[in-house]
N, C-alpha and C. Protein backbone atom coordinates (compact mmCIF):
# COMPACT_ATOMS: atom_id res chain seq x y z
N MET A 1 -6.42 -59.62 9.46
CA MET A 1 -7.13 -59.54 10.78
C MET A 1 -7.69 -57.93 10.83
N VAL A 2 -8.92 -57.84 11.30
CA VAL A 2 -9.69 -56.70 11.34
C VAL A 2 -9.56 -56.23 12.74
N LYS A 3 -8.81 -54.96 12.94
CA LYS A 3 -8.74 -54.45 14.43
C LYS A 3 -10.07 -53.99 14.85
N PRO A 4 -10.60 -54.28 16.17
CA PRO A 4 -11.87 -53.57 16.84
C PRO A 4 -11.55 -52.37 16.80
N MET A 5 -12.90 -51.74 16.34
CA MET A 5 -13.05 -50.27 16.47
C MET A 5 -13.08 -49.66 17.62
N LYS A 6 -12.16 -48.54 18.13
CA LYS A 6 -12.45 -48.03 19.36
C LYS A 6 -13.14 -46.74 19.22
N LYS A 7 -13.71 -46.25 20.43
CA LYS A 7 -14.39 -45.08 20.46
C LYS A 7 -13.39 -43.96 20.00
N GLU A 8 -13.83 -43.09 19.05
CA GLU A 8 -12.95 -41.88 18.88
C GLU A 8 -13.38 -40.79 19.64
N TYR A 9 -12.33 -40.13 20.15
CA TYR A 9 -12.55 -38.79 21.02
C TYR A 9 -11.89 -37.52 20.36
N MET A 10 -12.35 -36.45 20.73
CA MET A 10 -11.66 -35.12 20.53
C MET A 10 -11.08 -34.62 21.84
N SER A 11 -10.24 -33.80 21.69
CA SER A 11 -9.73 -33.05 22.89
C SER A 11 -10.41 -31.79 22.87
N GLY A 12 -10.34 -31.02 24.09
CA GLY A 12 -11.14 -29.71 24.13
C GLY A 12 -10.92 -28.89 23.35
N CYS A 13 -9.64 -28.84 22.75
CA CYS A 13 -9.28 -28.00 21.56
C CYS A 13 -9.98 -28.23 20.31
N GLU A 14 -9.84 -29.38 20.04
CA GLU A 14 -10.55 -30.01 18.63
C GLU A 14 -11.88 -29.65 18.85
N LEU A 15 -12.58 -29.91 19.84
CA LEU A 15 -14.00 -29.60 19.96
C LEU A 15 -14.26 -28.08 19.80
N ARG A 16 -13.48 -27.33 20.45
CA ARG A 16 -13.70 -25.98 20.19
C ARG A 16 -13.76 -25.51 18.75
N LYS A 17 -12.60 -26.01 18.11
CA LYS A 17 -12.53 -25.71 16.71
C LYS A 17 -13.73 -26.28 15.93
N TYR A 18 -14.07 -27.53 16.20
CA TYR A 18 -15.33 -28.11 15.53
C TYR A 18 -16.74 -27.52 15.68
N LEU A 19 -16.73 -26.74 16.77
CA LEU A 19 -18.10 -26.16 17.21
C LEU A 19 -17.90 -24.66 16.74
N HIS A 20 -16.80 -24.16 16.41
CA HIS A 20 -16.36 -22.84 16.25
C HIS A 20 -16.91 -21.87 17.38
N ILE A 21 -16.39 -22.17 18.74
CA ILE A 21 -16.73 -21.42 19.78
C ILE A 21 -15.28 -21.15 20.51
N SER A 22 -15.38 -20.13 21.64
CA SER A 22 -14.40 -19.79 22.30
C SER A 22 -13.92 -20.65 23.19
N THR A 23 -12.93 -20.62 23.84
CA THR A 23 -12.50 -21.56 24.97
C THR A 23 -13.39 -21.34 26.18
N ARG A 24 -13.70 -19.98 26.38
CA ARG A 24 -14.58 -19.71 27.47
C ARG A 24 -15.91 -20.30 27.48
N LYS A 25 -16.36 -20.33 26.07
CA LYS A 25 -17.75 -21.11 25.94
C LYS A 25 -17.57 -22.54 26.20
N MET A 26 -16.58 -23.19 25.55
CA MET A 26 -16.35 -24.57 25.83
C MET A 26 -16.27 -24.82 27.16
N LYS A 27 -15.48 -24.22 28.08
CA LYS A 27 -15.40 -24.38 29.51
C LYS A 27 -16.87 -24.34 30.15
N TYR A 28 -17.66 -23.46 29.79
CA TYR A 28 -18.93 -23.28 30.27
C TYR A 28 -19.86 -24.57 30.03
N LEU A 29 -19.63 -25.05 28.68
CA LEU A 29 -20.37 -26.26 28.31
C LEU A 29 -20.09 -27.44 29.09
N MET A 30 -18.69 -27.51 29.15
CA MET A 30 -18.26 -28.69 30.15
C MET A 30 -18.53 -28.56 31.82
N ASP A 31 -18.40 -27.28 32.20
CA ASP A 31 -18.47 -26.97 33.60
C ASP A 31 -20.12 -27.27 33.93
N ASN A 32 -20.92 -27.02 33.02
CA ASN A 32 -22.45 -27.19 33.15
C ASN A 32 -23.11 -28.43 32.55
N ASN A 33 -22.22 -29.31 32.22
CA ASN A 33 -22.52 -30.58 31.69
C ASN A 33 -23.50 -30.56 30.56
N LEU A 34 -23.24 -29.59 29.54
CA LEU A 34 -24.31 -29.34 28.39
C LEU A 34 -23.84 -30.38 27.28
N ILE A 35 -22.55 -31.01 27.36
CA ILE A 35 -22.14 -31.80 26.33
C ILE A 35 -21.45 -32.93 27.07
N PRO A 36 -21.71 -34.19 27.01
CA PRO A 36 -21.22 -35.39 27.65
C PRO A 36 -19.63 -35.35 27.29
N HIS A 37 -18.97 -35.53 28.41
CA HIS A 37 -17.38 -35.47 28.30
C HIS A 37 -16.78 -36.35 29.48
N GLU A 38 -15.56 -36.54 29.40
CA GLU A 38 -14.76 -36.90 30.28
C GLU A 38 -13.62 -35.98 30.88
N ASN A 39 -13.56 -35.91 32.22
CA ASN A 39 -12.48 -34.88 32.57
C ASN A 39 -11.21 -35.86 32.83
N THR A 40 -10.03 -35.74 32.15
CA THR A 40 -8.73 -36.45 32.45
C THR A 40 -8.11 -36.17 33.50
N GLY A 41 -8.50 -35.09 34.09
CA GLY A 41 -7.68 -34.49 35.29
C GLY A 41 -6.35 -33.93 35.02
N GLN A 42 -5.93 -33.85 33.60
CA GLN A 42 -4.62 -33.37 33.23
C GLN A 42 -4.82 -31.75 32.98
N ALA A 43 -3.71 -31.30 33.22
CA ALA A 43 -3.75 -29.69 33.19
C ALA A 43 -3.94 -29.43 31.51
N THR A 44 -3.38 -30.15 30.69
CA THR A 44 -3.58 -29.87 29.31
C THR A 44 -4.36 -30.92 28.74
N HIS A 45 -5.25 -30.74 27.78
CA HIS A 45 -6.15 -31.97 27.22
C HIS A 45 -7.02 -32.40 28.41
N LYS A 46 -7.50 -31.64 28.98
CA LYS A 46 -8.29 -31.96 30.35
C LYS A 46 -9.60 -32.60 30.06
N TYR A 47 -10.19 -32.19 28.72
CA TYR A 47 -11.48 -32.77 28.49
C TYR A 47 -11.42 -33.80 27.23
N ARG A 48 -12.08 -34.79 27.22
CA ARG A 48 -12.43 -35.81 26.09
C ARG A 48 -13.93 -35.73 25.82
N VAL A 49 -14.09 -35.60 24.52
CA VAL A 49 -15.44 -35.86 24.10
C VAL A 49 -15.49 -36.74 22.94
N SER A 50 -16.47 -37.77 22.88
CA SER A 50 -16.75 -38.75 21.92
C SER A 50 -17.15 -37.90 20.60
N ARG A 51 -16.69 -38.36 19.33
CA ARG A 51 -17.05 -37.53 18.15
C ARG A 51 -18.57 -37.53 17.82
N GLU A 52 -19.19 -38.62 18.33
CA GLU A 52 -20.67 -38.63 18.37
C GLU A 52 -21.37 -37.80 19.04
N ASP A 53 -20.66 -37.84 20.30
CA ASP A 53 -21.70 -36.72 21.20
C ASP A 53 -21.25 -35.24 20.68
N ALA A 54 -19.96 -35.11 20.18
CA ALA A 54 -19.65 -33.70 19.54
C ALA A 54 -20.81 -33.26 18.36
N ARG A 55 -21.02 -34.37 17.52
CA ARG A 55 -21.65 -34.20 16.33
C ARG A 55 -23.11 -33.77 16.72
N LYS A 56 -23.56 -34.71 17.87
CA LYS A 56 -24.89 -34.54 18.32
C LYS A 56 -25.18 -33.00 18.76
N PHE A 57 -24.06 -32.61 19.46
CA PHE A 57 -24.22 -31.32 20.26
C PHE A 57 -24.24 -30.03 19.17
N LYS A 58 -23.28 -30.19 18.00
CA LYS A 58 -23.43 -29.36 16.99
C LYS A 58 -24.79 -29.08 16.31
N TYR A 59 -25.42 -30.36 16.28
CA TYR A 59 -26.79 -30.42 15.73
C TYR A 59 -27.78 -29.51 16.77
N ARG A 60 -27.39 -29.84 17.99
CA ARG A 60 -28.41 -28.98 18.83
C ARG A 60 -28.21 -27.47 19.00
N MET A 61 -26.70 -27.11 18.81
CA MET A 61 -26.49 -25.80 18.81
C MET A 61 -27.47 -24.90 17.73
N THR A 62 -27.69 -25.62 16.51
CA THR A 62 -28.46 -24.96 15.51
C THR A 62 -30.06 -25.18 15.52
N HIS A 63 -30.32 -26.26 16.26
CA HIS A 63 -31.80 -26.71 16.30
C HIS A 63 -32.37 -26.62 17.74
N ASP A 64 -31.85 -26.48 18.90
CA ASP A 64 -32.37 -26.61 19.95
C ASP A 64 -32.95 -25.08 20.43
N GLN A 65 -33.77 -24.58 20.30
CA GLN A 65 -34.22 -23.13 20.60
C GLN A 65 -33.85 -22.77 22.02
N LYS A 66 -34.07 -23.70 23.01
CA LYS A 66 -33.89 -23.50 24.42
C LYS A 66 -32.30 -23.18 24.56
N LEU A 67 -31.62 -24.19 24.05
CA LEU A 67 -30.14 -24.08 24.07
C LEU A 67 -29.68 -22.69 23.48
N ILE A 68 -29.97 -22.37 22.34
CA ILE A 68 -29.73 -21.19 21.30
C ILE A 68 -29.99 -19.89 22.48
N ALA A 69 -31.18 -19.85 23.09
CA ALA A 69 -31.38 -18.76 23.65
C ALA A 69 -30.64 -18.73 24.97
N GLU A 70 -30.16 -19.76 25.53
CA GLU A 70 -29.30 -19.72 26.91
C GLU A 70 -28.09 -19.44 26.53
N LEU A 71 -27.28 -19.66 25.38
CA LEU A 71 -26.02 -19.23 24.94
C LEU A 71 -25.82 -18.06 24.40
N ALA A 72 -27.15 -17.57 23.81
CA ALA A 72 -26.99 -15.92 23.18
C ALA A 72 -26.40 -15.18 23.87
N GLY A 73 -25.40 -14.47 23.27
CA GLY A 73 -24.71 -13.24 23.86
C GLY A 73 -24.13 -13.51 25.13
N LYS A 74 -23.85 -14.66 25.74
CA LYS A 74 -23.58 -14.72 27.07
C LYS A 74 -22.00 -14.63 27.15
N PHE A 75 -21.24 -14.67 26.08
CA PHE A 75 -19.82 -14.82 26.30
C PHE A 75 -19.03 -13.55 25.58
N SER A 76 -19.66 -12.28 25.58
CA SER A 76 -19.20 -11.11 25.08
C SER A 76 -18.38 -10.71 26.17
N SER A 77 -17.20 -9.96 25.71
CA SER A 77 -16.01 -9.32 26.48
C SER A 77 -16.23 -7.98 26.99
N HIS A 78 -17.49 -7.44 26.75
CA HIS A 78 -17.67 -6.18 26.95
C HIS A 78 -18.14 -6.06 28.54
N SER A 79 -18.26 -4.64 28.99
CA SER A 79 -18.49 -4.29 30.36
C SER A 79 -19.84 -4.88 30.56
N LYS A 80 -19.88 -4.80 32.03
CA LYS A 80 -21.47 -5.40 32.55
C LYS A 80 -22.51 -4.70 32.05
N HIS A 81 -22.42 -3.20 31.98
CA HIS A 81 -23.34 -2.38 31.55
C HIS A 81 -23.80 -2.53 30.00
N SER A 82 -22.67 -2.67 29.12
CA SER A 82 -23.17 -2.95 27.80
C SER A 82 -23.46 -4.30 27.61
N LYS A 83 -22.96 -5.37 28.48
CA LYS A 83 -23.46 -6.81 28.26
C LYS A 83 -25.03 -6.86 28.54
N GLU A 84 -25.51 -6.19 29.60
CA GLU A 84 -27.15 -6.31 29.76
C GLU A 84 -27.73 -5.88 28.59
N SER A 85 -27.30 -4.52 28.06
CA SER A 85 -28.04 -4.08 26.87
C SER A 85 -27.86 -4.88 25.71
N GLU A 86 -26.69 -5.75 25.54
CA GLU A 86 -26.39 -6.48 24.24
C GLU A 86 -27.08 -7.79 24.46
N ASN A 87 -27.13 -8.42 25.62
CA ASN A 87 -27.79 -9.58 26.06
C ASN A 87 -29.30 -9.62 25.73
N ARG A 88 -29.93 -8.54 25.58
CA ARG A 88 -31.45 -8.58 25.56
C ARG A 88 -31.75 -9.36 24.13
N ILE A 89 -32.78 -10.13 23.99
CA ILE A 89 -33.18 -10.91 22.90
C ILE A 89 -33.78 -9.90 21.92
N ILE A 90 -33.25 -9.73 20.69
CA ILE A 90 -33.90 -8.78 19.82
C ILE A 90 -34.86 -9.58 18.82
N LEU A 91 -34.45 -10.65 18.68
CA LEU A 91 -35.35 -11.59 17.70
C LEU A 91 -35.42 -13.10 18.25
N ALA A 92 -36.54 -13.56 18.42
CA ALA A 92 -36.63 -14.74 19.01
C ALA A 92 -35.88 -15.99 17.81
N PRO A 93 -35.14 -16.80 18.36
CA PRO A 93 -34.45 -17.71 17.62
C PRO A 93 -35.23 -18.76 17.00
N THR A 94 -36.14 -18.52 15.98
CA THR A 94 -37.13 -19.32 15.52
C THR A 94 -36.73 -19.71 14.04
N LYS A 95 -37.30 -20.79 13.50
CA LYS A 95 -37.20 -21.09 12.13
C LYS A 95 -37.79 -19.99 11.20
N GLU A 96 -38.95 -19.61 11.55
CA GLU A 96 -39.60 -18.62 10.77
C GLU A 96 -38.98 -17.36 10.77
N ASN A 97 -38.57 -16.96 11.88
CA ASN A 97 -37.62 -15.52 11.97
C ASN A 97 -36.29 -15.85 11.28
N SER A 98 -35.97 -16.82 11.24
CA SER A 98 -34.68 -16.98 10.57
C SER A 98 -34.97 -17.03 8.91
N ARG A 99 -35.77 -17.50 8.35
CA ARG A 99 -36.36 -17.45 7.09
C ARG A 99 -36.68 -16.16 6.76
N SER A 100 -37.35 -15.44 7.56
CA SER A 100 -37.80 -13.98 7.22
C SER A 100 -36.62 -13.04 7.12
N PHE A 101 -35.67 -13.20 8.09
CA PHE A 101 -34.30 -12.37 8.08
C PHE A 101 -33.62 -12.82 6.96
N ARG A 102 -33.42 -14.02 6.57
CA ARG A 102 -32.47 -14.35 5.26
C ARG A 102 -33.19 -13.67 3.95
N THR A 103 -34.57 -13.58 4.07
CA THR A 103 -35.37 -13.11 2.90
C THR A 103 -35.00 -11.44 2.87
N TYR A 104 -34.97 -10.91 4.11
CA TYR A 104 -34.60 -9.43 4.16
C TYR A 104 -33.31 -9.09 3.70
N LEU A 105 -32.22 -10.09 4.18
CA LEU A 105 -30.90 -9.77 3.71
C LEU A 105 -30.84 -10.08 2.06
N THR A 106 -31.44 -11.00 1.51
CA THR A 106 -31.54 -11.15 0.01
C THR A 106 -32.02 -9.95 -0.58
N GLU A 107 -33.09 -9.27 -0.09
CA GLU A 107 -33.57 -8.20 -0.71
C GLU A 107 -32.65 -6.92 -0.37
N LEU A 108 -32.09 -6.75 0.61
CA LEU A 108 -31.18 -5.71 1.15
C LEU A 108 -30.03 -5.76 0.11
N TRP A 109 -29.46 -7.06 0.01
CA TRP A 109 -28.21 -7.00 -0.71
C TRP A 109 -28.33 -7.50 -2.46
N GLU A 110 -29.46 -7.21 -2.93
CA GLU A 110 -29.84 -7.72 -4.06
C GLU A 110 -28.81 -7.14 -5.25
N ASP A 111 -28.45 -5.93 -5.09
CA ASP A 111 -27.50 -5.43 -6.06
C ASP A 111 -26.17 -5.83 -5.91
N TYR A 112 -25.74 -6.74 -5.14
CA TYR A 112 -24.45 -7.19 -4.86
C TYR A 112 -24.29 -8.50 -5.73
N PRO A 113 -23.15 -8.77 -6.23
CA PRO A 113 -22.87 -9.89 -7.01
C PRO A 113 -22.93 -11.32 -6.20
N GLU A 114 -23.19 -12.33 -6.82
CA GLU A 114 -23.18 -13.61 -6.14
C GLU A 114 -22.05 -13.94 -5.50
N ALA A 115 -20.79 -13.57 -5.86
CA ALA A 115 -19.49 -13.60 -5.42
C ALA A 115 -19.12 -12.39 -4.78
N ILE A 116 -19.04 -12.21 -3.62
CA ILE A 116 -18.56 -11.04 -2.98
C ILE A 116 -16.97 -11.10 -2.65
N LEU A 117 -16.32 -9.98 -2.92
CA LEU A 117 -14.85 -9.70 -2.33
C LEU A 117 -15.18 -10.00 -0.75
N THR A 118 -14.17 -10.68 -0.11
CA THR A 118 -14.31 -10.89 1.49
C THR A 118 -14.28 -9.36 2.04
N GLN A 119 -13.43 -8.54 1.59
CA GLN A 119 -13.41 -7.24 2.36
C GLN A 119 -14.72 -6.45 2.22
N ASP A 120 -15.49 -6.50 1.27
CA ASP A 120 -17.06 -6.07 0.99
C ASP A 120 -17.85 -6.91 1.92
N ALA A 121 -17.85 -8.16 1.86
CA ALA A 121 -18.62 -8.88 2.82
C ALA A 121 -18.34 -8.67 4.29
N ALA A 122 -17.09 -8.26 4.55
CA ALA A 122 -17.09 -8.10 6.05
C ALA A 122 -17.52 -6.56 6.29
N ARG A 123 -17.46 -5.81 5.39
CA ARG A 123 -18.13 -4.49 5.56
C ARG A 123 -19.71 -4.68 5.77
N LEU A 124 -20.14 -5.50 5.01
CA LEU A 124 -21.76 -5.62 5.08
C LEU A 124 -22.16 -6.26 6.37
N ILE A 125 -21.23 -7.08 7.10
CA ILE A 125 -21.74 -7.81 8.21
C ILE A 125 -21.06 -7.04 9.55
N GLY A 126 -20.20 -6.07 9.26
CA GLY A 126 -19.52 -5.42 10.23
C GLY A 126 -18.51 -6.46 11.06
N GLY A 127 -17.79 -7.23 10.24
CA GLY A 127 -16.76 -8.12 10.82
C GLY A 127 -15.36 -7.74 9.97
N THR A 128 -14.52 -8.74 9.96
CA THR A 128 -13.32 -8.43 9.49
C THR A 128 -13.14 -9.42 8.37
N PRO A 129 -12.18 -9.19 7.41
CA PRO A 129 -12.07 -10.14 6.35
C PRO A 129 -11.31 -11.45 6.72
N GLN A 130 -10.47 -11.27 7.89
CA GLN A 130 -9.84 -12.25 8.52
C GLN A 130 -10.50 -13.35 9.03
N SER A 131 -11.78 -12.79 9.64
CA SER A 131 -12.82 -13.83 10.13
C SER A 131 -13.48 -14.63 9.16
N LEU A 132 -13.75 -13.75 7.93
CA LEU A 132 -14.25 -14.67 6.83
C LEU A 132 -13.31 -15.63 6.18
N HIS A 133 -12.03 -15.23 6.02
CA HIS A 133 -11.16 -16.05 5.50
C HIS A 133 -11.06 -17.37 6.60
N LYS A 134 -11.20 -17.25 7.73
CA LYS A 134 -11.10 -18.41 8.60
C LYS A 134 -12.32 -19.16 8.38
N LEU A 135 -13.52 -18.62 8.22
CA LEU A 135 -14.80 -19.45 8.20
C LEU A 135 -14.61 -20.08 6.81
N ILE A 136 -14.06 -19.61 5.67
CA ILE A 136 -13.90 -20.27 4.36
C ILE A 136 -12.97 -21.45 4.60
N ARG A 137 -11.67 -21.20 5.24
CA ARG A 137 -10.70 -22.08 5.28
C ARG A 137 -11.51 -23.51 6.32
N GLU A 138 -12.16 -22.95 7.16
CA GLU A 138 -13.01 -24.19 7.93
C GLU A 138 -14.14 -24.81 7.23
N GLY A 139 -14.45 -24.39 5.97
CA GLY A 139 -15.43 -25.06 5.22
C GLY A 139 -17.00 -24.44 5.70
N VAL A 140 -17.07 -23.45 6.48
CA VAL A 140 -18.30 -22.94 7.06
C VAL A 140 -18.87 -22.15 5.86
N LEU A 141 -18.06 -21.46 5.20
CA LEU A 141 -18.62 -20.57 4.14
C LEU A 141 -17.73 -20.98 2.69
N HIS A 142 -18.55 -20.94 1.62
CA HIS A 142 -17.81 -21.27 0.27
C HIS A 142 -17.25 -19.99 -0.19
N GLY A 143 -15.89 -20.10 -0.67
CA GLY A 143 -15.24 -19.24 -1.21
C GLY A 143 -14.14 -19.57 -2.10
N ALA A 144 -13.68 -18.71 -2.92
CA ALA A 144 -12.67 -18.96 -4.16
C ALA A 144 -11.73 -17.74 -4.22
N VAL A 145 -10.50 -18.27 -4.63
CA VAL A 145 -9.55 -17.21 -4.92
C VAL A 145 -9.48 -16.86 -6.35
N ILE A 146 -9.58 -15.66 -6.91
CA ILE A 146 -9.33 -15.34 -8.14
C ILE A 146 -8.56 -14.30 -8.41
N MET A 147 -7.31 -14.42 -8.98
CA MET A 147 -6.44 -13.40 -9.26
C MET A 147 -5.92 -12.73 -7.76
N ASN A 148 -5.69 -13.52 -6.83
CA ASN A 148 -4.97 -13.12 -5.50
C ASN A 148 -6.17 -12.56 -4.82
N ARG A 149 -7.35 -12.57 -5.18
CA ARG A 149 -8.43 -11.88 -4.39
C ARG A 149 -9.34 -13.00 -4.02
N GLN A 150 -9.83 -12.94 -2.66
CA GLN A 150 -10.69 -13.94 -2.20
C GLN A 150 -12.18 -13.44 -2.27
N TYR A 151 -12.95 -14.35 -2.67
CA TYR A 151 -14.39 -13.96 -2.81
C TYR A 151 -15.35 -15.07 -1.95
N CYS A 152 -16.53 -14.81 -1.40
CA CYS A 152 -17.26 -15.68 -0.78
C CYS A 152 -18.66 -15.49 -1.49
N SER A 153 -19.48 -16.42 -1.16
CA SER A 153 -20.74 -16.51 -1.89
C SER A 153 -21.65 -15.92 -1.20
N LYS A 154 -22.44 -14.98 -1.71
CA LYS A 154 -23.40 -14.17 -0.95
C LYS A 154 -24.57 -14.81 -0.41
N ASN A 155 -24.93 -15.97 -1.07
CA ASN A 155 -26.08 -16.87 -0.66
C ASN A 155 -25.53 -17.48 0.83
N GLY A 156 -24.34 -18.03 0.52
CA GLY A 156 -23.70 -18.62 1.77
C GLY A 156 -23.57 -17.81 3.15
N LEU A 157 -23.24 -16.59 2.81
CA LEU A 157 -22.99 -15.40 3.83
C LEU A 157 -24.47 -15.18 4.45
N ILE A 158 -25.40 -15.22 3.54
CA ILE A 158 -26.76 -14.88 4.11
C ILE A 158 -27.39 -15.99 4.96
N LYS A 159 -27.12 -17.30 4.49
CA LYS A 159 -27.47 -18.43 5.07
C LYS A 159 -26.77 -18.44 6.61
N TYR A 160 -25.36 -18.09 6.59
CA TYR A 160 -24.64 -18.29 7.85
C TYR A 160 -25.16 -17.20 8.89
N ILE A 161 -25.32 -15.99 8.40
CA ILE A 161 -25.81 -15.17 9.40
C ILE A 161 -27.13 -15.11 9.68
N GLY A 162 -27.95 -15.70 8.85
CA GLY A 162 -29.34 -15.84 9.05
C GLY A 162 -29.68 -17.12 10.05
N ARG A 163 -28.78 -17.71 10.74
CA ARG A 163 -29.07 -18.86 11.59
C ARG A 163 -29.69 -18.16 12.85
N PRO A 164 -30.68 -18.96 13.36
CA PRO A 164 -31.21 -18.18 14.79
C PRO A 164 -30.22 -18.02 15.72
N GLU A 165 -29.05 -18.77 15.98
CA GLU A 165 -28.08 -18.50 17.04
C GLU A 165 -27.39 -17.11 16.62
N MET A 166 -27.29 -16.80 15.56
CA MET A 166 -26.68 -15.55 15.16
C MET A 166 -27.59 -14.02 15.49
N PHE A 167 -28.67 -14.47 15.53
CA PHE A 167 -29.57 -13.20 15.85
C PHE A 167 -29.06 -12.23 16.92
N GLY A 168 -28.76 -11.04 16.87
CA GLY A 168 -28.28 -10.21 17.81
C GLY A 168 -26.95 -10.48 18.51
N SER A 169 -26.19 -11.32 17.55
CA SER A 169 -24.75 -11.68 18.16
C SER A 169 -23.94 -10.71 18.69
N ALA A 170 -23.73 -10.75 20.00
CA ALA A 170 -22.91 -9.70 20.80
C ALA A 170 -21.42 -9.63 20.26
N ASP A 171 -21.07 -11.01 19.51
CA ASP A 171 -19.68 -11.11 19.21
C ASP A 171 -19.35 -10.27 17.70
N CYS A 172 -20.57 -10.04 17.18
CA CYS A 172 -20.41 -9.16 15.95
C CYS A 172 -21.39 -8.10 15.83
N LYS A 173 -21.14 -6.75 15.94
CA LYS A 173 -21.83 -5.66 16.26
C LYS A 173 -22.63 -5.36 14.92
N GLY A 174 -21.98 -5.75 13.78
CA GLY A 174 -22.65 -5.65 12.54
C GLY A 174 -23.71 -6.51 12.18
N ILE A 175 -23.68 -7.66 12.79
CA ILE A 175 -24.70 -8.66 12.58
C ILE A 175 -26.03 -8.20 13.55
N ARG A 176 -25.53 -7.78 14.68
CA ARG A 176 -26.45 -7.16 15.71
C ARG A 176 -27.20 -6.22 15.12
N LYS A 177 -26.52 -5.26 14.67
CA LYS A 177 -27.21 -4.14 14.01
C LYS A 177 -28.11 -4.28 12.77
N LEU A 178 -27.75 -5.30 11.88
CA LEU A 178 -28.50 -5.97 10.99
C LEU A 178 -29.83 -6.37 11.39
N THR A 179 -29.68 -7.26 12.53
CA THR A 179 -30.94 -7.85 13.02
C THR A 179 -31.99 -6.78 13.65
N GLU A 180 -31.35 -5.79 14.32
CA GLU A 180 -32.05 -4.60 14.92
C GLU A 180 -32.89 -3.86 13.86
N GLU A 181 -32.19 -3.76 12.67
CA GLU A 181 -32.80 -3.00 11.56
C GLU A 181 -33.97 -3.76 10.94
N PHE A 182 -33.94 -5.13 10.88
CA PHE A 182 -34.70 -5.99 10.25
C PHE A 182 -35.95 -5.92 11.13
N VAL A 183 -35.76 -5.87 12.45
CA VAL A 183 -36.98 -5.81 13.50
C VAL A 183 -37.52 -4.61 13.23
N ARG A 184 -36.87 -3.40 13.25
CA ARG A 184 -37.54 -2.25 12.93
C ARG A 184 -38.29 -2.14 11.63
N VAL A 185 -37.86 -2.64 10.43
CA VAL A 185 -38.39 -2.64 9.29
C VAL A 185 -39.68 -3.41 9.25
N ARG A 186 -39.65 -4.56 9.97
CA ARG A 186 -40.81 -5.56 10.10
C ARG A 186 -41.83 -5.07 10.86
N GLU A 187 -41.53 -4.24 11.93
CA GLU A 187 -42.42 -3.53 12.72
C GLU A 187 -43.24 -2.33 12.07
N VAL A 188 -42.48 -1.68 11.11
CA VAL A 188 -43.03 -0.58 10.36
C VAL A 188 -43.96 -1.31 9.32
N ASN A 189 -43.60 -2.44 8.68
CA ASN A 189 -44.44 -2.99 7.62
C ASN A 189 -45.72 -3.48 8.38
N LYS A 190 -45.61 -4.02 9.80
CA LYS A 190 -46.78 -4.32 10.35
C LYS A 190 -47.75 -3.49 10.72
N GLY A 191 -47.13 -2.10 10.87
CA GLY A 191 -48.22 -1.09 11.18
C GLY A 191 -48.74 -0.59 10.04
N ARG A 192 -48.57 -0.92 8.75
CA ARG A 192 -49.13 -0.41 7.52
C ARG A 192 -50.53 -1.12 7.28
């Protein structure tokens, strides 16, 4: 006897992990109905989202330029003054800018090996080794452990931080700085 398929749901916590977002950002998405969901009315596991809706929204997070621009820099924990300066758009989140930024990073880091120690990769992007370990565990970045030292793929790292939604990320000052440097270099090259 075959059981009928029932609709699969994720809790808010599962959705947050699936989308790699903060609780604050998830609450914003729900409160503004940016992702279809059910409010269970319970104090815990308040939201339920179908897995299909979660998959569609994850695709939108990387392809819908309007949504990317709306969410960019909105959830920083910095003061209001620093938020205003950090929320300005440094680079339009377009596919062409993403491609150019990845090319810039490839050239900038050409002397680094294809497999970079996570500590070195963290220094390159101004992050922490722990955040890279987490991305590797979640399958966002490819990594390997060799003799108790974790490495990540340089190309994978470039693809990850070269996504349009990462441009000027207020969550990572190093990525924001790399984006600003890229814009400066591009302006200098245009002036020639």
